Protein backbone atom coordinates (compact mmCIF):
# COMPACT_ATOMS: atom_id res chain seq x y z
CA MET A 1 -69.89 -3.47 79.15
CA THR A 2 -67.74 -0.24 78.60
CA ALA A 3 -68.90 2.51 80.34
CA LEU A 4 -69.03 6.25 77.92
CA LEU A 5 -68.15 8.71 79.69
CA PRO A 6 -69.58 12.11 79.24
CA ARG A 7 -67.81 14.11 76.32
CA LEU A 8 -67.64 18.28 76.21
CA PRO A 9 -66.39 19.79 73.18
CA GLY A 10 -63.66 22.39 73.77
CA PRO A 11 -66.03 25.45 72.54
CA ALA A 12 -68.95 24.48 74.63
CA CYS A 13 -66.15 23.30 77.44
CA ASP A 14 -64.71 27.51 76.79
CA ASP A 15 -68.06 28.76 77.67
CA ILE A 16 -68.57 26.82 80.57
CA VAL A 17 -65.15 27.81 82.29
CA ARG A 18 -65.79 31.33 81.50
CA SER A 19 -69.30 31.28 83.02
CA PHE A 20 -67.83 29.41 86.10
CA LEU A 21 -64.74 31.86 86.30
CA THR A 22 -66.89 35.04 85.68
CA ALA A 23 -69.31 33.82 88.37
CA GLY A 24 -66.93 32.70 90.84
CA PRO A 25 -67.05 29.56 92.37
CA SER A 26 -68.81 30.76 95.39
CA ARG A 27 -71.89 31.09 93.22
CA TRP A 28 -70.91 27.81 91.20
CA THR A 29 -74.66 25.70 91.51
CA GLY A 30 -72.65 22.33 91.95
CA PHE A 31 -72.62 19.45 90.11
CA ARG A 32 -75.69 17.23 88.99
CA PRO A 33 -75.09 13.92 87.74
CA ASP A 34 -78.92 13.61 86.54
CA SER A 35 -79.10 16.73 84.84
CA LEU A 36 -75.85 17.10 82.61
CA PRO A 37 -75.15 20.45 80.41
CA ASP A 38 -76.55 20.61 76.93
CA GLN A 39 -73.42 20.45 75.33
CA VAL A 40 -72.22 16.84 76.64
CA ARG A 41 -72.27 14.26 74.24
CA PHE A 42 -71.49 10.74 74.01
CA ALA A 43 -69.83 7.82 71.68
CA ALA A 44 -72.47 7.17 69.95
CA THR A 45 -71.40 3.12 69.82
CA GLY A 46 -69.14 0.83 71.90
CA GLY A 47 -70.44 0.82 75.33
CA THR A 48 -73.41 1.96 78.07
CA PRO A 49 -73.35 5.52 78.49
CA ILE A 50 -72.27 6.22 82.37
CA ASN A 51 -75.29 6.44 84.87
CA ALA A 52 -75.41 9.05 87.29
CA VAL A 53 -74.87 7.03 90.25
CA SER A 54 -71.32 6.30 89.02
CA LEU A 55 -70.78 9.78 88.19
CA ALA A 56 -71.98 11.05 91.60
CA ARG A 57 -69.45 8.65 93.33
CA LEU A 58 -66.56 10.13 90.87
CA ARG A 59 -67.28 13.78 92.22
CA GLN A 60 -67.40 12.07 95.46
CA ASP A 61 -63.85 10.34 95.27
CA LEU A 62 -62.63 13.50 94.00
CA ILE A 63 -63.43 15.94 96.87
CA ALA A 64 -62.51 13.57 99.56
CA MET A 65 -58.76 13.37 98.14
CA ALA A 66 -59.13 17.20 97.84
CA GLU A 67 -60.19 17.46 101.22
CA ARG A 68 -57.33 15.34 102.69
CA HIS A 69 -55.33 18.07 101.42
CA GLY A 70 -56.74 21.22 102.42
CA PHE A 71 -59.58 21.99 100.36
CA GLY A 72 -62.16 23.90 101.43
CA ARG A 73 -60.92 24.15 105.03
CA GLU A 74 -60.34 27.71 105.81
CA GLY A 75 -57.12 28.43 107.85
CA VAL A 76 -55.10 24.97 106.82
CA ARG A 77 -52.64 25.12 104.55
CA PRO A 78 -53.22 23.14 100.96
CA SER A 79 -50.78 20.16 100.47
CA GLN A 80 -51.42 20.55 96.74
CA ALA A 81 -48.28 18.36 95.28
CA ASP A 82 -49.83 15.22 98.19
CA PHE A 83 -52.72 15.83 96.52
CA ASP A 84 -51.10 15.17 93.03
CA ALA A 85 -49.33 12.20 94.00
CA GLU A 86 -52.81 10.86 95.40
CA THR A 87 -55.21 11.75 92.98
CA ALA A 88 -52.65 10.61 90.44
CA ALA A 89 -52.31 6.81 91.50
CA TRP A 90 -56.32 6.59 92.52
CA LEU A 91 -57.21 7.91 88.96
CA ALA A 92 -54.36 5.31 87.16
CA GLN A 93 -56.17 2.27 89.20
CA SER A 94 -59.90 3.46 88.64
CA ASP A 95 -62.06 1.15 86.66
CA LEU A 96 -63.93 4.23 85.00
CA PHE A 97 -60.31 5.59 83.13
CA ALA A 98 -58.90 2.29 82.13
CA THR A 99 -60.28 2.20 78.63
CA GLY A 100 -59.74 4.25 75.53
CA GLU A 101 -62.61 7.03 76.64
CA ALA A 102 -59.50 8.12 79.07
CA LEU A 103 -57.71 9.14 75.95
CA ARG A 104 -59.75 11.84 74.77
CA ASP A 105 -59.40 15.34 75.91
CA ASP A 106 -62.75 15.89 75.73
CA VAL A 107 -63.71 13.44 78.31
CA TRP A 108 -60.86 15.23 80.94
CA ALA A 109 -62.66 18.60 79.87
CA PHE A 110 -66.20 17.35 81.44
CA VAL A 111 -64.25 16.23 84.36
CA ALA A 112 -62.56 19.57 84.95
CA ALA A 113 -65.05 21.72 83.72
CA VAL A 114 -68.39 19.95 84.92
CA VAL A 115 -68.06 17.60 87.59
CA ALA A 116 -64.81 19.40 89.80
CA PRO A 117 -64.09 23.23 88.63
CA ASP A 118 -64.04 24.05 91.94
CA ILE A 119 -61.36 21.64 93.01
CA VAL A 120 -59.62 22.88 89.92
CA TYR A 121 -59.83 26.52 90.77
CA TRP A 122 -58.66 25.58 93.99
CA ARG A 123 -55.47 23.95 92.68
CA PHE A 124 -54.72 26.14 89.90
CA GLY A 125 -56.90 29.60 89.91
CA SER A 126 -58.52 31.18 86.84
CA SER A 127 -55.79 28.96 84.17
CA ALA A 128 -58.02 28.34 81.51
CA GLU A 129 -56.36 25.31 80.26
CA ARG A 130 -56.16 23.37 83.30
CA TYR A 131 -60.20 23.39 82.80
CA ALA A 132 -59.54 22.67 78.95
CA GLY A 133 -58.93 18.86 77.34
CA GLY A 134 -54.59 18.19 77.01
CA VAL A 135 -51.25 17.67 78.90
CA ARG A 136 -52.18 20.51 81.38
CA ASN A 137 -55.78 19.71 82.03
CA THR A 138 -55.95 19.27 86.08
CA PHE A 139 -56.84 15.66 85.62
CA GLN A 140 -55.67 14.55 82.86
CA ARG A 141 -52.16 15.00 83.87
CA LEU A 142 -52.43 13.04 86.82
CA TRP A 143 -53.76 10.27 84.80
CA MET A 144 -50.49 10.14 82.52
CA ARG A 145 -48.44 10.05 85.04
CA GLY A 146 -50.12 7.67 86.88
CA ARG A 147 -50.49 5.46 84.40
CA GLY A 148 -46.73 6.20 83.25
CA LEU A 149 -45.12 5.92 86.43
CA ASP A 150 -46.78 2.69 88.00
CA ARG A 151 -43.95 0.41 89.06
CA GLY A 152 -46.36 -2.29 89.34
CA ALA A 153 -48.88 -3.68 91.51
CA GLY A 154 -46.63 -6.36 93.35
CA HIS A 155 -43.90 -3.73 93.81
CA PRO A 156 -43.46 -2.36 97.83
CA GLN A 157 -43.14 1.27 96.62
CA ARG A 158 -45.52 1.15 94.34
CA TRP A 159 -46.55 4.64 93.67
CA ARG A 160 -43.20 6.27 95.08
CA LEU A 161 -42.17 8.13 91.53
CA LEU A 162 -45.19 10.21 92.33
CA ASP A 163 -44.22 11.40 95.53
CA GLU A 164 -40.52 11.46 95.10
CA LEU A 165 -40.03 13.48 91.09
CA THR A 166 -40.44 17.30 91.35
CA GLU A 167 -43.20 18.97 89.35
CA ASP A 168 -40.67 20.05 86.89
CA ALA A 169 -39.53 16.30 86.41
CA LEU A 170 -42.61 15.52 86.15
CA VAL A 171 -43.22 17.55 83.97
CA GLN A 172 -40.63 16.74 81.57
CA ILE A 173 -41.69 13.18 81.71
CA THR A 174 -45.30 13.56 80.55
CA GLU A 175 -45.83 16.55 78.69
CA ARG A 176 -43.12 14.85 76.06
CA PRO A 177 -45.42 12.54 74.03
CA SER A 178 -42.27 10.40 73.07
CA ILE A 179 -41.17 9.79 76.28
CA GLY A 180 -44.47 9.90 78.39
CA GLY A 181 -46.71 8.29 75.75
CA ASP A 182 -44.19 4.38 76.23
CA THR A 183 -43.96 3.62 79.31
CA VAL A 184 -41.47 2.07 79.23
CA LEU A 185 -39.36 4.88 78.59
CA ALA A 186 -41.84 6.97 80.89
CA LEU A 187 -40.81 4.64 83.77
CA ALA A 188 -37.05 4.34 83.32
CA VAL A 189 -36.49 7.90 82.61
CA ALA A 190 -38.14 8.54 86.30
CA GLU A 191 -36.39 5.91 87.83
CA ALA A 192 -32.87 7.30 86.30
CA TRP A 193 -34.13 10.93 87.62
CA LEU A 194 -34.31 9.21 91.19
CA ARG A 195 -31.02 7.72 90.49
CA ALA A 196 -29.54 11.28 89.93
CA ALA A 197 -30.45 12.75 92.59
CA ARG A 198 -29.08 10.46 94.88
CA HIS A 199 -25.97 11.57 93.00
CA HIS A 200 -26.13 15.06 92.48
CA GLY A 201 -29.08 16.07 95.05
CA LYS A 202 -32.60 17.49 94.48
CA SER A 203 -31.31 21.02 94.10
CA ALA A 204 -29.58 20.26 91.19
CA MET A 205 -31.87 18.39 89.22
CA GLU A 206 -33.66 20.91 87.16
CA ASP A 207 -31.01 21.94 84.50
CA ILE A 208 -29.64 18.60 84.11
CA MET A 209 -32.99 16.91 83.54
CA ARG A 210 -34.24 19.59 80.88
CA ARG A 211 -30.88 18.47 79.20
CA ALA A 212 -31.21 14.86 79.79
CA ILE A 213 -34.68 15.22 78.23
CA LEU A 214 -32.99 17.16 75.08
CA ARG A 215 -30.34 13.80 74.62
CA ILE A 216 -33.41 11.43 75.36
CA ARG A 217 -35.46 12.59 72.59
CA VAL A 218 -32.80 12.78 69.87
CA ARG A 219 -31.08 9.30 70.95
CA ASN A 220 -35.13 8.11 70.85
CA GLU A 221 -34.62 9.03 67.22
CA ILE A 222 -31.61 7.07 65.98
CA ARG A 223 -32.86 3.88 67.71
CA SER A 224 -35.89 2.91 69.74
CA LEU A 225 -34.80 3.58 73.62
CA ALA A 226 -37.79 1.21 74.56
CA ASN A 227 -36.74 -2.06 73.12
CA LEU A 228 -33.20 -1.88 74.87
CA PRO A 229 -32.66 -4.42 77.05
CA ALA A 230 -33.36 -3.13 80.97
CA THR A 231 -30.02 -3.09 81.75
CA ASP A 232 -28.97 -1.35 78.77
CA LEU A 233 -31.22 1.40 79.34
CA ALA A 234 -30.57 1.96 82.27
CA SER A 235 -26.95 2.43 81.64
CA PHE A 236 -27.05 4.61 78.77
CA LEU A 237 -29.82 6.62 81.20
CA ASP A 238 -27.55 6.99 84.26
CA GLY A 239 -24.84 8.63 81.25
CA VAL A 240 -27.24 11.06 80.04
CA PHE A 241 -28.04 12.24 83.66
CA GLY A 242 -24.12 12.09 84.61
CA VAL A 243 -24.28 8.89 87.48
CA PRO A 244 -22.06 6.33 87.10
CA ASP A 245 -22.54 3.02 85.78
CA GLN A 246 -23.16 0.38 88.07
CA THR A 247 -24.16 -1.87 85.28
CA ALA A 248 -21.13 -1.54 83.65
CA PRO A 249 -19.37 -5.23 82.47
CA ALA A 250 -16.77 -5.75 85.04
CA ASN A 251 -14.32 -6.69 82.19
CA GLY A 252 -15.15 -2.91 80.75
CA ARG A 253 -16.25 -3.88 77.69
CA GLN A 254 -19.46 -1.83 76.37
CA SER A 255 -22.90 -3.69 75.69
CA GLU A 256 -23.75 -4.13 71.98
CA ALA A 257 -26.32 -1.51 72.84
CA GLN A 258 -24.32 1.01 73.96
CA HIS A 259 -22.24 0.65 71.81
CA THR A 260 -24.63 0.93 68.66
CA LEU A 261 -25.96 4.22 70.59
CA ASP A 262 -22.60 5.61 71.31
CA ALA A 263 -20.83 4.38 67.93
CA ALA A 264 -19.57 7.40 66.35
CA GLY A 265 -18.46 8.32 69.65
CA SER A 266 -17.63 12.29 68.42
CA THR A 267 -18.68 14.97 70.32
CA GLN A 268 -19.61 16.73 67.08
CA SER A 269 -21.91 13.93 65.91
CA ALA A 270 -25.01 14.42 64.26
CA ASP A 271 -26.84 13.84 67.51
CA ASP A 272 -24.82 15.74 69.29
CA GLU A 273 -25.40 18.59 66.98
CA GLN A 274 -29.13 18.36 67.17
CA VAL A 275 -28.55 18.18 71.24
CA ALA A 276 -26.59 21.62 71.19
CA ALA A 277 -28.85 23.26 68.90
CA LEU A 278 -31.99 22.30 71.13
CA GLU A 279 -29.79 23.20 74.28
CA ALA A 280 -29.34 26.53 72.64
CA GLU A 281 -33.24 27.31 72.55
CA LEU A 282 -33.56 26.68 76.12
CA PRO A 283 -33.97 29.89 78.20
CA ARG A 284 -31.41 31.60 79.61
CA PRO A 285 -30.41 32.15 83.61
CA GLY A 286 -33.36 34.33 84.98
CA THR A 287 -35.54 34.14 81.73
CA SER A 288 -37.66 31.19 84.08
CA LEU A 289 -37.67 33.93 87.33
CA ALA A 290 -38.52 36.92 84.70
CA ASN A 291 -41.53 34.74 83.72
CA ALA A 292 -42.48 34.06 86.99
CA ALA A 293 -42.76 37.48 87.82
CA GLN A 294 -44.71 38.59 84.96
CA ASN A 295 -47.03 35.89 85.05
CA VAL A 296 -47.90 36.75 89.50
CA LYS A 297 -47.75 40.66 88.15
CA GLN A 298 -50.65 39.89 85.62
CA VAL A 299 -52.51 37.66 87.90
CA ALA A 300 -52.04 39.45 91.27
CA GLY A 301 -53.29 42.82 89.22
CA ARG A 302 -56.77 41.57 87.89
CA ARG A 303 -57.18 40.55 91.44
CA GLY A 304 -56.42 43.79 92.99
CA TRP A 305 -54.13 42.79 95.23
CA LEU A 306 -51.11 44.60 93.89
CA SER A 307 -49.34 47.06 96.21
CA PRO A 308 -46.93 49.73 95.08
CA LYS A 309 -43.88 47.97 96.52
CA SER A 310 -45.14 44.65 94.90
CA GLN A 311 -45.33 45.84 91.78
CA THR A 312 -42.00 47.80 91.95
CA ALA A 313 -40.23 44.30 92.98
CA LEU A 314 -42.30 42.15 90.16
CA GLU A 315 -41.05 44.81 87.37
CA THR A 316 -37.44 44.41 88.86
CA LEU A 317 -37.52 40.96 88.71
CA SER A 318 -39.31 41.11 84.96
CA SER A 319 -36.47 43.54 83.94
CA GLY A 320 -33.72 40.60 84.54
CA ARG A 321 -32.48 42.09 87.88
CA ALA A 322 -33.07 40.63 91.31
CA SER A 323 -32.24 43.58 94.16
CA LEU A 324 -34.55 44.30 96.09
CA ASP A 325 -34.75 46.48 99.36
CA ARG A 326 -36.11 45.16 102.00
CA GLY A 327 -39.71 47.03 101.86
CA GLU A 328 -39.88 45.07 98.37
CA ARG A 329 -39.16 41.96 100.21
CA ASN A 330 -41.93 42.19 102.40
CA ALA A 331 -44.56 43.38 100.31
CA LEU A 332 -43.51 40.78 97.75
CA ASP A 333 -43.66 37.65 100.67
CA TYR A 334 -46.93 38.84 101.52
CA LEU A 335 -48.36 39.05 97.71
CA LEU A 336 -46.98 35.34 97.35
CA SER A 337 -48.38 34.13 100.40
CA ARG A 338 -51.78 35.31 99.25
CA LEU A 339 -51.35 33.42 96.42
CA SER A 340 -50.38 30.50 97.59
CA ASP A 341 -53.04 30.59 100.22
CA ALA A 342 -55.52 30.90 96.71
CA GLY A 343 -53.94 27.83 95.76
CA MET A 344 -52.52 29.32 92.32
CA LEU A 345 -49.38 29.60 90.41
CA LYS A 346 -47.41 27.06 92.59
CA GLU A 347 -44.23 26.71 90.43
CA ASP A 348 -43.63 30.79 89.69
CA ILE A 349 -44.17 31.39 93.59
CA PHE A 350 -41.07 28.58 94.22
CA GLN A 351 -39.31 30.30 91.32
CA LEU A 352 -39.74 33.97 92.92
CA ARG A 353 -38.93 32.43 96.41
CA SER A 354 -36.01 30.65 96.08
CA ALA A 355 -34.98 33.92 94.43
CA LEU A 356 -35.92 35.72 97.33
CA SER A 357 -33.75 33.06 99.33
CA VAL A 358 -30.30 34.20 97.89
CA ASP A 359 -30.58 37.70 97.51
CA PRO A 360 -28.78 39.97 99.71
CA VAL A 361 -30.76 42.29 101.00
CA PRO A 362 -29.34 46.01 101.09
CA THR A 363 -29.52 47.55 104.34
CA GLY A 364 -29.40 51.37 105.71
CA SER A 365 -28.27 53.43 102.47
CA PRO A 366 -30.75 56.24 101.70
CA ASP A 367 -32.19 54.56 98.57
CA THR A 368 -33.38 50.81 100.18
CA GLY A 369 -34.57 52.36 103.74
CA PRO A 370 -34.17 51.02 106.93
CA GLU A 371 -32.72 47.36 107.80
CA ARG A 372 -36.02 46.68 109.64
CA PRO A 373 -39.70 47.99 108.64
CA ARG A 374 -41.06 49.72 111.38
CA ARG A 375 -43.20 46.99 113.47
CA ARG A 376 -46.34 49.15 113.55
CA SER A 377 -46.62 49.86 109.97
CA TRP A 378 -45.53 46.42 108.99
CA ALA A 379 -48.49 45.41 111.01
CA ILE A 380 -50.67 47.49 109.02
CA TRP A 381 -50.08 46.73 105.94
CA ARG A 382 -50.43 42.91 106.82
CA ALA A 383 -53.96 43.80 108.17
CA ARG A 384 -55.20 45.14 104.67
């Protein structure tokens, strides 16, 4: 019989998460599977409510996976991407989440806010959307990835896509209902991304992926891509990602399915115009960096972690400029390390560190200060 999972309504989830964050993770009393919050509900029919033993085992399994990747271990740098990949595969195979119960946002709100809020805090800090149900939920997003990118039980590298795809690529696939909701198309896009990354290099894939997703979504409105023969779908996706077609017929003739998709041929066709309109809405260069700087500034400010120099550095980056003096770079680097150690703002930290790695460092001018900070004063700052 189906095990009915606990459901936590949205308003109740907000209250529980607010109380958890206000008190702080260190004062959380822990998960009690035999005494669930009063706001928790179960479906009236369709199965039997899950028992306390199974809920306790769920908690134990999640904790075990998190601990393997640094959760609760002082001095150990967390490996959160590896945690995501392992947990996604585990959730996709778990019998608890193999029924329609796993399609409900309020079930995942219960898992994040009641069963394992400490893991959510380790992974994402105080971001409320990571506790609430939806595609941003810490565990729901991983379940969606595991279900959509499973190559099958007989595949020798069944879960490789979870390890190989970047966070940006995974988000682009699973947070688009027209793609992530169709396992055939989601898997095909992920495989095409992997081929494109080998061809273009991973570092070039973010912009390529975002524009490819736009074109895929538009073409999917014209004809259901998931219903194409596998070779034709792979050929179309390779074209979208700018990868030389390895499946084209030897005589150079276009396949019937591909011909149907591209018959118009004109760069001004209706679907291309839609793509161009969507591309115009993409963030301009520097926008994502400015957003990352603003997010870091807000979170660090609430925690009292901003120094004058790190604040100046973030304000400079928020304004769209990327020229920092050495003192500002050092202060920002230290702040990012603190946030990273706390398991917070992973994507934003990556954006800022990428900018720091390519930004030239002015040296020796009166405005930018000395080329190297004095060792003693830097040591004092590091000890704060």
